[in-house]
Amino acid sequence: MFLSNGGLLNPFQSGFRSGHSTTTALLKVTEDIRCAMEDRRVTVLVLVDFSNAFNAVDHDLLLAVLRSHKISDPAVSWFSSYLRGRQQAIHCGPSDISDWADLSAGVPQGGILSPLLFSTFINLVTSNLLCSYHLYADDLQIYNQVKLDDLDAGIAGINSDLEEILRWSRSFGISVNPSKCQAIIVGGSRLLSGLDYAAVPPVKFDGRVVPFSATVNDLGLIIDQNLSWDQQLDKVSRKVYASLHSLLRLKKFLPQHTKLALVNSLLLPILDYADVCYLDLTEALLNKLERLLNTCIRFVFGLRKYDHVSQYRAQLKWLPIRDRRNLRILCLLFSILHEPNTPPYLKSMFQFLSDTHTRDLRSSHNSILALPSFHSGFMSDSFAVTAVRLWNDLPDSIRKAPSRNVFKRLTRTHYLSKIVS
């Protein structure tokens, strides 16, 4: 709390922080990419890989960082005793164990304080970066957004920041792994159609070329050159069916409530992960998600492949995939608007209409959000625009719900009632 309230944690560090997640980190980056595409710019995105960073944190340097944050000497001494004096050994067999060795670096794995200490340390890597960036724990992504004519300069800016990251990592004892770094140029399909990759300067990191890829895996989300989602949906489909294949062998032995619990805990999280980042799905891709959801329903009720599922979905009080995704969009938006720990980088996307007018509005308009301006399809299906449209379409009584749980319940009931009617 002290570090957060004091502004000592990087605002673009989303790891190990309440209200932050990989999804909020990805949402920030994908919304930035959409804004660039709206402005006919391209995004040069590089995902930086650090090697075993948690175990490489230098204790003396970490304690110096804590002192720089005005933490008292007695508290720093306590942290010193927390970090030092640890040992480890390796089990080589049922009864064989190696000699114990002192640990001179790293934060204790599984410790409550360890994530905060690591974040305080790794945040320094961004101190001198000039490009945009985002951190999730030790996953660093840097990106530069430029007009296509300025692509050479944009890549030069990326390379300059990569040199700065390399200097920092050597000074602070953290190893980088250029062979596992990923790079991609993202932009509108028309804009990139004329790009000659052979003439594009390379991204270089620690003397090695990081080749441009057609897709990158960013915190579990597949991003391609045009921010289309076919490969992401292919990945989701493969993971759902692979998990379901394992469960099908047990379906005859499991009661219905157990199968439902397994679907809720193992399959639906795959469908839902980072879904707010890709709202611009084609009808074909939405139907693909709907089929996956229906497959889950058939598993729960032991139905055959082509059995209709509508009545069973109603029995579970599940929403069709489009409404399910809309509900998740709205629940995240409610958190952004009303919960103090949600990221400022998302809060800044939204503004109540009453805050943009000097004259008084009707009380029913107090909960209406201002629609962000846009002039192309790149932003019309963005989270910022879609969430506002869905929010403003809700009844005022739902928008003014006193808590997220109440809001979620009322919104779900609202969507279910529309299906029945």
Foldseek 3Di string as FASTA:
>chain_A
DCCVVVVLFDLQAQAPFPQGDLLVNLQLVLLVQLVLQLVQKKKKKKKWAWDPQQLFFALVVLLVLVVVVVDDPVVSVVVSVQAFDDWDWDDPDPPDIDDIDGRRGGHDPPDPCSQVSQSSVQRVLCVPQDFDWHHYRPTIMGMHIGHPVCQQVRLVSVLVSLVSSVVVCVVRRIGTDLVPMAIEMAYAPVSCVPDDQVPHDFRDHPRDTHDYDQWDQRVNAIAGRHRACPVRLVVLVVQLVVVVVVCVVCLVVDALVVLVVCCVVRNVCSLQPSLLSRQPHDPVSLVSSQLSVQVSLCSSVVHDNPDDCVVSCVVVLHDGSVLNNLLVLQLSVLCLCPPPRHRPSVVVLWDQPCVVDPDDDPPLSRLQIDADDGDDPSPCRHSSRSNNVSLNPDGSVLSVDPDSVSNSVVSSVVRVVVVVD
